[in-house]
């Protein structure tokens, strides 16, 4: 079985790990990681686990993790899944950073477009008001 996390998935996962480190909340992190998988993927992972429970699998993984480096946890997850025949492939940090830069650029462009649209709408309102005034004169 093969699972692929794209750059957006990885960005989300790394953010969850960073949040967990800051807040010291491994339970939320465990849930976030499990939610990264589809129901079918969870079923297949559990079928391959000795304990048949992804919750226990994640608890063990988080207990082994140093609790500091997000990439260490991702590597450990990929390695442990590999041991049970599940290949976890994911985009690299550089690819994640590219997606983040692209998203930031999209947000800037949306802000610029949004600003221009507002001005355009205001101009239309002004034109309409001028037309109404002209009609009222007659």
N, C-alpha and C. Protein backbone atom coordinates (compact mmCIF):
# COMPACT_ATOMS: atom_id res chain seq x y z
N UNK A 1 0.85 -1.18 0.00
CA UNK A 1 0.00 0.00 0.00
C UNK A 1 0.90 1.24 0.00
N UNK A 2 0.47 2.24 -0.75
CA UNK A 2 1.23 3.49 -0.83
C UNK A 2 0.33 4.67 -0.46
N UNK A 3 0.86 5.56 0.37
CA UNK A 3 0.16 6.78 0.78
C UNK A 3 1.06 7.95 0.42
N UNK A 4 0.46 8.99 -0.13
CA UNK A 4 1.24 10.16 -0.52
C UNK A 4 0.66 11.41 0.14
N UNK A 5 1.53 12.15 0.82
CA UNK A 5 1.16 13.45 1.38
C UNK A 5 1.77 14.51 0.47
N UNK A 6 0.92 15.33 -0.13
CA UNK A 6 1.43 16.40 -0.98
C UNK A 6 1.92 17.55 -0.11
N UNK A 7 2.39 18.60 -0.74
CA UNK A 7 2.98 19.72 0.00
C UNK A 7 1.98 20.38 0.94
N UNK A 8 0.73 20.48 0.53
CA UNK A 8 -0.29 21.07 1.41
C UNK A 8 -0.54 20.19 2.63
N UNK A 9 -0.58 18.87 2.41
CA UNK A 9 -0.74 17.95 3.53
C UNK A 9 0.44 18.09 4.50
N UNK A 10 1.64 18.15 3.93
CA UNK A 10 2.84 18.26 4.76
C UNK A 10 2.87 19.57 5.52
N UNK A 11 2.46 20.62 4.87
CA UNK A 11 2.43 21.93 5.54
C UNK A 11 1.47 21.87 6.74
N UNK A 12 0.33 21.26 6.53
CA UNK A 12 -0.65 21.11 7.60
C UNK A 12 -0.11 20.23 8.73
N UNK A 13 0.52 19.12 8.37
CA UNK A 13 1.08 18.21 9.36
C UNK A 13 2.18 18.89 10.17
N UNK A 14 3.08 19.56 9.50
CA UNK A 14 4.18 20.25 10.19
C UNK A 14 3.65 21.35 11.11
N UNK A 15 2.60 22.03 10.69
CA UNK A 15 1.99 23.06 11.53
C UNK A 15 1.38 22.42 12.78
N UNK A 16 0.71 21.29 12.61
CA UNK A 16 0.13 20.58 13.75
C UNK A 16 1.21 20.14 14.74
N UNK A 17 2.32 19.67 14.20
CA UNK A 17 3.43 19.24 15.06
C UNK A 17 3.99 20.44 15.80
N UNK A 18 4.21 21.55 15.10
CA UNK A 18 4.72 22.77 15.76
C UNK A 18 3.77 23.23 16.87
N UNK A 19 2.47 23.21 16.59
CA UNK A 19 1.48 23.61 17.60
C UNK A 19 1.53 22.69 18.81
N UNK A 20 1.65 21.40 18.57
CA UNK A 20 1.71 20.43 19.67
C UNK A 20 2.95 20.63 20.52
N UNK A 21 4.07 20.93 19.87
CA UNK A 21 5.31 21.18 20.61
C UNK A 21 5.14 22.40 21.49
N UNK A 22 4.58 23.48 20.94
CA UNK A 22 4.38 24.71 21.71
C UNK A 22 3.43 24.50 22.89
N UNK A 23 2.34 23.76 22.64
CA UNK A 23 1.31 23.58 23.66
C UNK A 23 1.52 22.33 24.51
N UNK A 24 2.43 21.47 24.11
CA UNK A 24 2.65 20.23 24.84
C UNK A 24 1.44 19.31 24.78
N UNK A 25 0.73 19.31 23.66
CA UNK A 25 -0.52 18.55 23.52
C UNK A 25 -0.35 17.43 22.49
N UNK A 26 0.15 16.29 22.95
CA UNK A 26 0.34 15.16 22.03
C UNK A 26 -0.98 14.51 21.63
N UNK A 27 -2.00 14.63 22.43
CA UNK A 27 -3.29 14.02 22.11
C UNK A 27 -3.89 14.69 20.86
N UNK A 28 -3.84 16.01 20.82
CA UNK A 28 -4.33 16.73 19.64
C UNK A 28 -3.48 16.39 18.42
N UNK A 29 -2.18 16.27 18.62
CA UNK A 29 -1.28 15.92 17.52
C UNK A 29 -1.61 14.53 17.00
N UNK A 30 -1.82 13.59 17.91
CA UNK A 30 -2.17 12.23 17.50
C UNK A 30 -3.43 12.24 16.63
N UNK A 31 -4.43 12.98 17.07
CA UNK A 31 -5.68 13.07 16.29
C UNK A 31 -5.45 13.74 14.94
N UNK A 32 -4.63 14.79 14.91
CA UNK A 32 -4.34 15.47 13.64
C UNK A 32 -3.65 14.54 12.66
N UNK A 33 -2.69 13.75 13.16
CA UNK A 33 -1.97 12.83 12.28
C UNK A 33 -2.92 11.77 11.75
N UNK A 34 -3.74 11.21 12.61
CA UNK A 34 -4.68 10.18 12.18
C UNK A 34 -5.66 10.74 11.15
N UNK A 35 -6.09 11.98 11.33
CA UNK A 35 -7.02 12.60 10.39
C UNK A 35 -6.40 12.84 9.01
N UNK A 36 -5.08 12.77 8.93
CA UNK A 36 -4.40 12.93 7.63
C UNK A 36 -4.71 11.75 6.71
N UNK A 37 -5.09 10.62 7.29
CA UNK A 37 -5.35 9.41 6.52
C UNK A 37 -6.84 9.27 6.24
N UNK A 38 -7.15 8.68 5.09
CA UNK A 38 -8.56 8.41 4.76
C UNK A 38 -9.03 7.21 5.60
N UNK A 39 -10.33 7.01 5.65
CA UNK A 39 -10.88 5.87 6.39
C UNK A 39 -10.34 4.56 5.83
N UNK A 40 -10.25 4.47 4.52
CA UNK A 40 -9.74 3.24 3.88
C UNK A 40 -8.28 3.01 4.25
N UNK A 41 -7.49 4.07 4.29
CA UNK A 41 -6.08 3.93 4.66
C UNK A 41 -5.95 3.49 6.12
N UNK A 42 -6.77 4.05 6.98
CA UNK A 42 -6.74 3.66 8.40
C UNK A 42 -7.10 2.19 8.55
N UNK A 43 -8.13 1.75 7.85
CA UNK A 43 -8.53 0.34 7.91
C UNK A 43 -7.39 -0.56 7.46
N UNK A 44 -6.71 -0.18 6.38
CA UNK A 44 -5.61 -1.00 5.88
C UNK A 44 -4.43 -0.99 6.84
N UNK A 45 -4.11 0.15 7.42
CA UNK A 45 -3.03 0.23 8.40
C UNK A 45 -3.37 -0.64 9.60
N UNK A 46 -4.58 -0.53 10.11
CA UNK A 46 -4.98 -1.32 11.27
C UNK A 46 -4.96 -2.81 10.96
N UNK A 47 -5.31 -3.17 9.75
CA UNK A 47 -5.29 -4.58 9.36
C UNK A 47 -3.86 -5.13 9.43
N UNK A 48 -2.88 -4.28 9.14
CA UNK A 48 -1.49 -4.71 9.11
C UNK A 48 -0.80 -4.62 10.47
N UNK A 49 -1.37 -3.88 11.40
CA UNK A 49 -0.77 -3.71 12.73
C UNK A 49 -1.02 -4.94 13.59
N UNK A 50 -0.05 -5.24 14.48
CA UNK A 50 -0.23 -6.34 15.43
C UNK A 50 -1.39 -6.04 16.37
N UNK A 51 -1.47 -4.78 16.81
CA UNK A 51 -2.50 -4.40 17.77
C UNK A 51 -3.83 -4.09 17.10
N UNK A 52 -3.81 -3.89 15.80
CA UNK A 52 -5.01 -3.54 15.01
C UNK A 52 -5.66 -2.25 15.49
N UNK A 53 -4.84 -1.35 16.07
CA UNK A 53 -5.38 -0.09 16.57
C UNK A 53 -4.42 1.05 16.23
N UNK A 54 -4.85 1.94 15.38
CA UNK A 54 -4.00 3.06 14.97
C UNK A 54 -3.73 4.01 16.15
N UNK A 55 -4.66 4.09 17.09
CA UNK A 55 -4.46 4.93 18.27
C UNK A 55 -3.23 4.45 19.06
N UNK A 56 -3.15 3.13 19.29
CA UNK A 56 -1.99 2.57 20.01
C UNK A 56 -0.71 2.78 19.22
N UNK A 57 -0.79 2.59 17.91
CA UNK A 57 0.35 2.79 17.03
C UNK A 57 0.89 4.22 17.18
N UNK A 58 -0.02 5.18 17.16
CA UNK A 58 0.39 6.59 17.28
C UNK A 58 0.92 6.90 18.67
N UNK A 59 0.30 6.32 19.70
CA UNK A 59 0.80 6.53 21.07
C UNK A 59 2.25 6.06 21.19
N UNK A 60 2.54 4.86 20.67
CA UNK A 60 3.91 4.34 20.71
C UNK A 60 4.87 5.24 19.95
N UNK A 61 4.44 5.68 18.79
CA UNK A 61 5.28 6.54 17.96
C UNK A 61 5.59 7.85 18.68
N UNK A 62 4.57 8.46 19.27
CA UNK A 62 4.78 9.74 19.97
C UNK A 62 5.63 9.56 21.22
N UNK A 63 5.53 8.39 21.87
CA UNK A 63 6.38 8.11 23.04
C UNK A 63 7.84 8.00 22.65
N UNK A 64 8.12 7.46 21.46
CA UNK A 64 9.49 7.31 20.97
C UNK A 64 10.08 8.62 20.46
N UNK A 65 9.24 9.52 20.01
CA UNK A 65 9.67 10.78 19.42
C UNK A 65 10.27 11.69 20.49
N UNK A 66 11.30 12.44 20.10
CA UNK A 66 11.97 13.34 21.04
C UNK A 66 11.08 14.51 21.47
N UNK A 67 10.07 14.81 20.66
CA UNK A 67 9.15 15.89 20.99
C UNK A 67 9.61 17.25 20.53
N UNK A 68 10.64 17.28 19.69
CA UNK A 68 11.19 18.56 19.28
C UNK A 68 11.15 18.80 17.77
N UNK A 69 11.74 17.89 17.01
CA UNK A 69 11.92 18.11 15.57
C UNK A 69 10.74 17.53 14.79
N UNK A 70 9.96 18.39 14.12
CA UNK A 70 8.81 17.90 13.35
C UNK A 70 9.20 16.91 12.26
N UNK A 71 10.34 17.13 11.61
CA UNK A 71 10.77 16.25 10.52
C UNK A 71 11.16 14.87 11.06
N UNK A 72 11.67 14.85 12.29
CA UNK A 72 12.00 13.57 12.91
C UNK A 72 10.73 12.73 13.06
N UNK A 73 9.65 13.34 13.49
CA UNK A 73 8.40 12.62 13.66
C UNK A 73 7.87 12.10 12.33
N UNK A 74 7.93 12.92 11.30
CA UNK A 74 7.46 12.50 9.97
C UNK A 74 8.31 11.33 9.48
N UNK A 75 9.62 11.42 9.65
CA UNK A 75 10.50 10.32 9.24
C UNK A 75 10.20 9.05 10.03
N UNK A 76 9.96 9.19 11.32
CA UNK A 76 9.62 8.03 12.15
C UNK A 76 8.30 7.41 11.70
N UNK A 77 7.33 8.23 11.39
CA UNK A 77 6.03 7.75 10.92
C UNK A 77 6.21 6.96 9.62
N UNK A 78 6.97 7.52 8.69
CA UNK A 78 7.21 6.84 7.42
C UNK A 78 7.94 5.52 7.64
N UNK A 79 8.92 5.52 8.53
CA UNK A 79 9.69 4.31 8.81
C UNK A 79 8.83 3.23 9.46
N UNK A 80 8.06 3.62 10.46
CA UNK A 80 7.20 2.64 11.16
C UNK A 80 6.12 2.09 10.24
N UNK A 81 5.55 2.93 9.39
CA UNK A 81 4.57 2.44 8.43
C UNK A 81 5.24 1.52 7.42
N UNK A 82 6.45 1.84 7.04
CA UNK A 82 7.21 0.99 6.11
C UNK A 82 7.43 -0.41 6.67
N UNK A 83 7.62 -0.50 7.98
CA UNK A 83 7.82 -1.79 8.63
C UNK A 83 6.61 -2.71 8.48
N UNK A 84 5.43 -2.13 8.31
CA UNK A 84 4.22 -2.95 8.15
C UNK A 84 3.76 -3.00 6.69
N UNK A 85 4.61 -2.53 5.78
CA UNK A 85 4.31 -2.62 4.36
C UNK A 85 3.50 -1.48 3.79
N UNK A 86 3.51 -0.35 4.49
CA UNK A 86 2.81 0.84 3.99
C UNK A 86 3.87 1.88 3.65
N UNK A 87 3.93 2.23 2.37
CA UNK A 87 4.90 3.23 1.93
C UNK A 87 4.28 4.61 2.05
N UNK A 88 4.84 5.42 2.96
CA UNK A 88 4.40 6.80 3.10
C UNK A 88 5.40 7.67 2.36
N UNK A 89 4.94 8.28 1.29
CA UNK A 89 5.77 9.20 0.53
C UNK A 89 5.23 10.60 0.76
N UNK A 90 6.13 11.55 0.81
CA UNK A 90 5.71 12.92 1.06
C UNK A 90 6.68 13.88 0.39
N UNK A 91 6.17 15.07 0.16
CA UNK A 91 6.99 16.09 -0.49
C UNK A 91 7.99 16.66 0.52
N UNK A 92 9.11 17.10 -0.01
CA UNK A 92 10.20 17.57 0.83
C UNK A 92 9.92 18.96 1.41
N UNK A 93 10.76 19.37 2.32
CA UNK A 93 10.64 20.68 2.94
C UNK A 93 10.70 21.79 1.89
N UNK A 94 11.56 21.63 0.89
CA UNK A 94 11.65 22.66 -0.16
C UNK A 94 10.34 22.78 -0.92
N UNK A 95 9.71 21.63 -1.21
CA UNK A 95 8.44 21.65 -1.93
C UNK A 95 7.34 22.26 -1.07
N UNK A 96 7.39 21.99 0.22
CA UNK A 96 6.42 22.58 1.14
C UNK A 96 6.59 24.09 1.18
N UNK A 97 7.85 24.55 1.24
CA UNK A 97 8.12 25.98 1.27
C UNK A 97 7.68 26.65 -0.04
N UNK A 98 7.82 25.95 -1.17
CA UNK A 98 7.35 26.49 -2.45
C UNK A 98 5.85 26.70 -2.43
N UNK A 99 5.12 25.72 -1.90
CA UNK A 99 3.66 25.82 -1.81
C UNK A 99 3.28 26.99 -0.91
N UNK A 100 3.98 27.13 0.20
CA UNK A 100 3.69 28.23 1.11
C UNK A 100 3.92 29.57 0.42
N UNK A 101 5.01 29.68 -0.32
CA UNK A 101 5.30 30.92 -1.04
C UNK A 101 4.23 31.19 -2.10
N UNK A 102 3.82 30.13 -2.80
CA UNK A 102 2.76 30.29 -3.80
C UNK A 102 1.45 30.73 -3.16
N UNK A 103 1.11 30.14 -2.01
CA UNK A 103 -0.13 30.52 -1.31
C UNK A 103 -0.07 31.96 -0.85
N UNK A 104 1.10 32.36 -0.33
CA UNK A 104 1.26 33.75 0.11
C UNK A 104 1.08 34.70 -1.07
N UNK A 105 1.62 34.33 -2.22
CA UNK A 105 1.51 35.17 -3.40
C UNK A 105 0.04 35.24 -3.85
N UNK A 106 -0.67 34.10 -3.80
CA UNK A 106 -2.08 34.08 -4.18
C UNK A 106 -2.90 34.99 -3.27
N UNK A 107 -2.59 34.97 -1.99
CA UNK A 107 -3.30 35.83 -1.03
C UNK A 107 -3.05 37.29 -1.37
N UNK A 108 -1.80 37.64 -1.68
CA UNK A 108 -1.48 39.02 -2.04
C UNK A 108 -2.24 39.43 -3.30
N UNK A 109 -2.28 38.52 -4.29
CA UNK A 109 -2.98 38.82 -5.54
C UNK A 109 -4.47 38.99 -5.30
N UNK A 110 -5.05 38.14 -4.44
CA UNK A 110 -6.47 38.26 -4.12
C UNK A 110 -6.76 39.59 -3.45
N UNK A 111 -5.86 40.00 -2.56
CA UNK A 111 -6.04 41.28 -1.88
C UNK A 111 -6.01 42.42 -2.89
N UNK A 112 -5.08 42.34 -3.84
CA UNK A 112 -4.98 43.38 -4.85
C UNK A 112 -6.22 43.40 -5.74
N UNK A 113 -6.67 42.22 -6.17
CA UNK A 113 -7.86 42.12 -7.03
C UNK A 113 -9.08 42.61 -6.26
N UNK A 114 -9.19 42.18 -5.03
CA UNK A 114 -10.33 42.59 -4.22
C UNK A 114 -10.40 44.10 -4.07
N UNK A 115 -9.25 44.74 -3.89
CA UNK A 115 -9.22 46.18 -3.73
C UNK A 115 -9.67 46.87 -5.01
N UNK A 116 -9.19 46.37 -6.14
CA UNK A 116 -9.56 46.96 -7.43
C UNK A 116 -11.04 46.79 -7.71
N UNK A 117 -11.61 45.64 -7.34
CA UNK A 117 -13.03 45.40 -7.58
C UNK A 117 -13.88 46.36 -6.77
N UNK A 118 -13.47 46.63 -5.54
CA UNK A 118 -14.23 47.55 -4.71
C UNK A 118 -14.25 48.94 -5.34
N UNK A 119 -13.09 49.37 -5.83
CA UNK A 119 -13.04 50.68 -6.46
C UNK A 119 -13.95 50.72 -7.68
N UNK A 120 -13.95 49.62 -8.44
CA UNK A 120 -14.76 49.56 -9.65
C UNK A 120 -16.24 49.64 -9.28
N UNK A 121 -16.64 48.92 -8.23
CA UNK A 121 -18.03 48.96 -7.79
C UNK A 121 -18.43 50.36 -7.35
N UNK A 122 -17.52 51.04 -6.65
CA UNK A 122 -17.82 52.40 -6.20
C UNK A 122 -18.01 53.31 -7.40
N UNK A 123 -17.15 53.15 -8.43
CA UNK A 123 -17.29 53.96 -9.64
C UNK A 123 -18.64 53.72 -10.29
N UNK A 124 -19.08 52.46 -10.34
CA UNK A 124 -20.37 52.15 -10.94
C UNK A 124 -21.50 52.82 -10.15
N UNK A 125 -21.39 52.79 -8.82
CA UNK A 125 -22.40 53.42 -7.97
C UNK A 125 -22.45 54.93 -8.24
N UNK A 126 -21.28 55.55 -8.39
CA UNK A 126 -21.24 56.98 -8.65
C UNK A 126 -21.88 57.29 -9.99
N UNK A 127 -21.60 56.46 -11.02
CA UNK A 127 -22.19 56.68 -12.33
C UNK A 127 -23.70 56.55 -12.26
N UNK A 128 -24.18 55.57 -11.53
CA UNK A 128 -25.61 55.36 -11.40
C UNK A 128 -26.26 56.56 -10.71
N UNK A 129 -25.61 57.04 -9.67
CA UNK A 129 -26.14 58.20 -8.96
C UNK A 129 -26.22 59.42 -9.87
N UNK A 130 -25.21 59.61 -10.71
CA UNK A 130 -25.21 60.74 -11.64
C UNK A 130 -26.33 60.58 -12.66
N UNK A 131 -26.56 59.34 -13.12
CA UNK A 131 -27.64 59.09 -14.08
C UNK A 131 -29.00 59.37 -13.43
N UNK A 132 -29.14 58.95 -12.18
CA UNK A 132 -30.40 59.19 -11.46
C UNK A 132 -30.66 60.69 -11.34
N UNK A 133 -29.60 61.44 -11.02
CA UNK A 133 -29.74 62.87 -10.88
C UNK A 133 -30.19 63.50 -12.19
N UNK A 134 -29.61 63.05 -13.30
CA UNK A 134 -29.97 63.57 -14.61
C UNK A 134 -31.43 63.27 -14.91
N UNK A 135 -31.89 62.03 -14.58
CA UNK A 135 -33.28 61.68 -14.84
C UNK A 135 -34.25 62.50 -14.01
N UNK A 136 -33.84 62.77 -12.77
CA UNK A 136 -34.71 63.53 -11.89
C UNK A 136 -34.88 64.97 -12.37
N UNK A 137 -33.90 65.50 -13.07
CA UNK A 137 -33.99 66.87 -13.58
C UNK A 137 -35.07 66.99 -14.62
N UNK A 138 -35.32 65.92 -15.40
CA UNK A 138 -36.30 65.99 -16.48
C UNK A 138 -37.63 65.72 -15.97
